[in-house]
């Protein structure tokens, strides 16, 4: 659920007015956050999220550090300059 909300927020931030970057035809656009489903780290493939960092105290995986020591798992975004999915780790 949290991952879906993060993807929606990323799509909104990169396309807040409905005319930002999208992939494919204008009638059926694919936004940058939905172009890379299930990819969170380098080396990802269907069923494997990619190489991620692991929290030693909880065993949870993450790819971004936030304020106050918080850790987040953020989805990859499509990078139009490289025509590939861009991840943080």
N, C-alpha and C. Protein backbone atom coordinates (compact mmCIF):
# COMPACT_ATOMS: atom_id res chain seq x y z
N UNK A 1 0.82 -1.19 0.00
CA UNK A 1 0.00 0.00 0.00
C UNK A 1 0.87 1.25 0.00
N UNK A 2 1.89 1.27 0.84
CA UNK A 2 2.77 2.44 0.92
C UNK A 2 3.50 2.64 -0.41
N UNK A 3 3.93 1.54 -1.03
CA UNK A 3 4.62 1.63 -2.31
C UNK A 3 3.70 2.23 -3.37
N UNK A 4 2.44 1.83 -3.38
CA UNK A 4 1.49 2.39 -4.34
C UNK A 4 1.31 3.89 -4.13
N UNK A 5 1.22 4.31 -2.88
CA UNK A 5 1.08 5.74 -2.59
C UNK A 5 2.33 6.50 -3.01
N UNK A 6 3.52 5.92 -2.77
CA UNK A 6 4.76 6.56 -3.17
C UNK A 6 4.82 6.72 -4.69
N UNK A 7 4.36 5.72 -5.41
CA UNK A 7 4.34 5.80 -6.88
C UNK A 7 3.39 6.89 -7.35
N UNK A 8 2.23 6.99 -6.70
CA UNK A 8 1.28 8.04 -7.05
C UNK A 8 1.86 9.43 -6.77
N UNK A 9 2.53 9.58 -5.64
CA UNK A 9 3.14 10.87 -5.31
C UNK A 9 4.25 11.22 -6.29
N UNK A 10 5.06 10.24 -6.67
CA UNK A 10 6.12 10.49 -7.65
C UNK A 10 5.53 10.90 -8.99
N UNK A 11 4.46 10.25 -9.40
CA UNK A 11 3.79 10.61 -10.64
C UNK A 11 3.21 12.02 -10.59
N UNK A 12 2.66 12.38 -9.45
CA UNK A 12 2.10 13.72 -9.28
C UNK A 12 3.19 14.78 -9.29
N UNK A 13 4.29 14.50 -8.62
CA UNK A 13 5.39 15.47 -8.54
C UNK A 13 6.04 15.69 -9.90
N UNK A 14 6.10 14.66 -10.73
CA UNK A 14 6.73 14.81 -12.04
C UNK A 14 5.74 15.22 -13.12
N UNK A 15 4.46 15.21 -12.83
CA UNK A 15 3.44 15.55 -13.81
C UNK A 15 2.24 16.22 -13.13
N UNK A 16 2.46 17.32 -12.39
CA UNK A 16 1.36 17.91 -11.61
C UNK A 16 0.26 18.55 -12.44
N UNK A 17 0.54 18.96 -13.68
CA UNK A 17 -0.47 19.65 -14.47
C UNK A 17 -1.06 18.79 -15.58
N UNK A 18 -0.68 17.51 -15.60
CA UNK A 18 -1.21 16.62 -16.62
C UNK A 18 -0.56 16.76 -17.98
N UNK A 19 0.51 17.54 -18.07
CA UNK A 19 1.17 17.71 -19.36
C UNK A 19 2.68 17.50 -19.26
N UNK A 20 3.14 16.84 -18.22
CA UNK A 20 4.57 16.58 -18.03
C UNK A 20 5.02 15.39 -18.85
N UNK A 21 6.14 14.81 -18.49
CA UNK A 21 6.71 13.71 -19.27
C UNK A 21 5.90 12.44 -19.08
N UNK A 22 5.61 11.77 -20.16
CA UNK A 22 5.03 10.44 -20.12
C UNK A 22 5.54 9.66 -21.32
N UNK A 23 5.45 8.35 -21.22
CA UNK A 23 5.94 7.47 -22.27
C UNK A 23 4.74 6.89 -23.01
N UNK A 24 4.82 6.77 -24.31
CA UNK A 24 3.74 6.20 -25.09
C UNK A 24 2.81 7.25 -25.66
N UNK A 25 1.70 6.81 -26.25
CA UNK A 25 0.77 7.75 -26.88
C UNK A 25 0.04 8.60 -25.84
N UNK A 26 -0.35 9.79 -26.25
CA UNK A 26 -1.04 10.71 -25.34
C UNK A 26 -2.38 10.16 -24.88
N UNK A 27 -2.99 9.29 -25.68
CA UNK A 27 -4.29 8.71 -25.30
C UNK A 27 -4.15 7.68 -24.17
N UNK A 28 -2.99 7.07 -24.05
CA UNK A 28 -2.74 6.06 -23.01
C UNK A 28 -1.34 6.28 -22.43
N UNK A 29 -1.13 7.41 -21.73
CA UNK A 29 0.22 7.73 -21.25
C UNK A 29 0.68 6.83 -20.11
N UNK A 30 1.96 6.59 -20.07
CA UNK A 30 2.59 5.83 -19.00
C UNK A 30 3.52 6.81 -18.30
N UNK A 31 3.21 7.19 -17.06
CA UNK A 31 4.01 8.20 -16.36
C UNK A 31 5.32 7.61 -15.87
N UNK A 32 6.24 8.50 -15.50
CA UNK A 32 7.59 8.08 -15.11
C UNK A 32 7.58 7.12 -13.94
N UNK A 33 6.66 7.26 -13.02
CA UNK A 33 6.63 6.38 -11.84
C UNK A 33 6.05 5.01 -12.16
N UNK A 34 5.23 4.92 -13.20
CA UNK A 34 4.62 3.63 -13.52
C UNK A 34 5.33 2.91 -14.67
N UNK A 35 6.38 3.52 -15.22
CA UNK A 35 7.13 2.90 -16.32
C UNK A 35 8.09 1.83 -15.83
N UNK A 36 8.39 1.82 -14.54
CA UNK A 36 9.38 0.88 -13.98
C UNK A 36 8.78 0.10 -12.81
N UNK A 37 7.72 -0.67 -13.03
CA UNK A 37 7.07 -1.36 -11.90
C UNK A 37 7.96 -2.42 -11.27
N UNK A 38 8.00 -2.44 -9.96
CA UNK A 38 8.74 -3.47 -9.22
C UNK A 38 10.24 -3.28 -9.18
N UNK A 39 10.74 -2.15 -9.66
CA UNK A 39 12.19 -1.90 -9.65
C UNK A 39 12.51 -0.91 -8.54
N UNK A 40 13.38 -1.35 -7.63
CA UNK A 40 13.77 -0.51 -6.49
C UNK A 40 15.28 -0.39 -6.35
N UNK A 41 16.04 -1.24 -7.03
CA UNK A 41 17.50 -1.21 -6.96
C UNK A 41 18.10 -1.75 -8.24
N UNK A 42 19.41 -1.58 -8.39
CA UNK A 42 20.11 -2.07 -9.58
C UNK A 42 20.01 -3.59 -9.68
N UNK A 43 19.93 -4.09 -10.88
CA UNK A 43 19.86 -5.53 -11.11
C UNK A 43 18.48 -6.13 -10.91
N UNK A 44 17.45 -5.30 -10.83
CA UNK A 44 16.09 -5.79 -10.59
C UNK A 44 15.55 -6.51 -11.83
N UNK A 45 14.70 -7.49 -11.59
CA UNK A 45 13.98 -8.21 -12.63
C UNK A 45 12.68 -8.70 -12.01
N UNK A 46 11.71 -9.18 -12.80
CA UNK A 46 10.43 -9.60 -12.23
C UNK A 46 10.60 -10.61 -11.09
N UNK A 47 10.08 -10.26 -9.94
CA UNK A 47 10.18 -11.12 -8.76
C UNK A 47 11.37 -10.79 -7.86
N UNK A 48 12.26 -9.91 -8.31
CA UNK A 48 13.43 -9.50 -7.52
C UNK A 48 13.53 -7.98 -7.58
N UNK A 49 13.42 -7.32 -6.45
CA UNK A 49 13.38 -5.86 -6.39
C UNK A 49 14.70 -5.19 -6.72
N UNK A 50 15.79 -5.93 -6.70
CA UNK A 50 17.10 -5.36 -6.99
C UNK A 50 18.00 -5.38 -5.76
N UNK A 51 19.23 -4.93 -5.95
CA UNK A 51 20.19 -4.87 -4.84
C UNK A 51 19.84 -3.69 -3.94
N UNK A 52 19.45 -3.99 -2.71
CA UNK A 52 19.02 -2.96 -1.77
C UNK A 52 19.87 -2.98 -0.51
N UNK A 53 19.82 -1.89 0.23
CA UNK A 53 20.48 -1.81 1.53
C UNK A 53 19.62 -2.56 2.55
N UNK A 54 20.26 -3.12 3.58
CA UNK A 54 19.53 -3.87 4.61
C UNK A 54 19.78 -3.23 5.97
N UNK A 55 18.70 -2.95 6.70
CA UNK A 55 18.80 -2.41 8.05
C UNK A 55 19.24 -3.54 8.98
N UNK A 56 20.36 -3.36 9.66
CA UNK A 56 20.91 -4.43 10.50
C UNK A 56 20.04 -4.73 11.72
N UNK A 57 19.28 -3.76 12.21
CA UNK A 57 18.47 -4.01 13.41
C UNK A 57 17.13 -4.68 13.10
N UNK A 58 16.56 -4.42 11.92
CA UNK A 58 15.24 -4.99 11.60
C UNK A 58 15.28 -6.01 10.46
N UNK A 59 16.31 -5.96 9.64
CA UNK A 59 16.39 -6.84 8.48
C UNK A 59 15.58 -6.33 7.30
N UNK A 60 14.97 -5.16 7.44
CA UNK A 60 14.18 -4.57 6.36
C UNK A 60 15.10 -3.98 5.30
N UNK A 61 14.64 -3.99 4.05
CA UNK A 61 15.43 -3.40 2.98
C UNK A 61 14.95 -1.98 2.69
N UNK A 62 15.87 -1.16 2.19
CA UNK A 62 15.57 0.23 1.88
C UNK A 62 16.55 0.72 0.83
N UNK A 63 16.26 1.86 0.24
CA UNK A 63 17.18 2.44 -0.73
C UNK A 63 17.36 3.95 -0.56
N UNK A 64 16.78 4.52 0.48
CA UNK A 64 16.92 5.95 0.73
C UNK A 64 16.93 6.24 2.22
N UNK A 65 17.79 7.17 2.61
CA UNK A 65 17.85 7.61 4.01
C UNK A 65 17.13 8.94 4.12
N UNK A 66 16.30 9.07 5.15
CA UNK A 66 15.56 10.29 5.38
C UNK A 66 16.00 10.99 6.65
N UNK A 67 15.25 11.99 7.04
CA UNK A 67 15.54 12.74 8.26
C UNK A 67 15.34 11.87 9.49
N UNK A 68 16.08 12.17 10.53
CA UNK A 68 15.98 11.47 11.81
C UNK A 68 16.24 9.97 11.70
N UNK A 69 17.10 9.57 10.77
CA UNK A 69 17.45 8.16 10.64
C UNK A 69 16.39 7.28 10.01
N UNK A 70 15.37 7.86 9.45
CA UNK A 70 14.32 7.06 8.80
C UNK A 70 14.83 6.49 7.49
N UNK A 71 14.33 5.31 7.14
CA UNK A 71 14.74 4.62 5.92
C UNK A 71 13.51 4.38 5.06
N UNK A 72 13.68 4.54 3.75
CA UNK A 72 12.55 4.44 2.82
C UNK A 72 12.89 3.52 1.65
N UNK A 73 11.87 2.90 1.09
CA UNK A 73 11.99 2.10 -0.12
C UNK A 73 11.23 2.86 -1.21
N UNK A 74 11.97 3.51 -2.11
CA UNK A 74 11.38 4.33 -3.15
C UNK A 74 11.46 3.64 -4.51
N UNK A 75 10.41 3.74 -5.31
CA UNK A 75 10.44 3.08 -6.63
C UNK A 75 11.35 3.81 -7.60
N UNK A 76 11.84 3.07 -8.60
CA UNK A 76 12.64 3.67 -9.66
C UNK A 76 11.75 4.56 -10.53
N UNK A 77 12.35 5.58 -11.13
CA UNK A 77 11.65 6.46 -12.05
C UNK A 77 12.29 6.35 -13.42
N UNK A 78 11.50 6.52 -14.47
CA UNK A 78 12.02 6.47 -15.83
C UNK A 78 12.80 7.75 -16.11
N UNK A 79 14.03 7.61 -16.59
CA UNK A 79 14.89 8.75 -16.91
C UNK A 79 14.90 8.93 -18.43
N UNK A 80 14.26 9.99 -18.93
CA UNK A 80 14.18 10.17 -20.38
C UNK A 80 15.53 10.42 -21.04
N UNK A 81 16.52 10.93 -20.30
CA UNK A 81 17.83 11.20 -20.90
C UNK A 81 18.61 9.92 -21.18
N UNK A 82 18.34 8.85 -20.42
CA UNK A 82 19.03 7.57 -20.65
C UNK A 82 18.09 6.49 -21.17
N UNK A 83 16.81 6.79 -21.23
CA UNK A 83 15.77 5.82 -21.65
C UNK A 83 15.83 4.54 -20.84
N UNK A 84 16.05 4.70 -19.53
CA UNK A 84 16.10 3.54 -18.64
C UNK A 84 15.55 3.93 -17.27
N UNK A 85 15.35 2.93 -16.43
CA UNK A 85 14.86 3.18 -15.08
C UNK A 85 16.02 3.62 -14.20
N UNK A 86 15.82 4.66 -13.43
CA UNK A 86 16.86 5.20 -12.56
C UNK A 86 16.52 4.90 -11.11
N UNK A 87 17.47 4.30 -10.40
CA UNK A 87 17.27 3.96 -8.99
C UNK A 87 18.26 4.73 -8.13
N UNK A 88 18.01 4.74 -6.82
CA UNK A 88 18.91 5.43 -5.90
C UNK A 88 20.13 4.60 -5.54
N UNK A 89 19.97 3.27 -5.51
CA UNK A 89 21.11 2.38 -5.21
C UNK A 89 21.26 1.35 -6.30
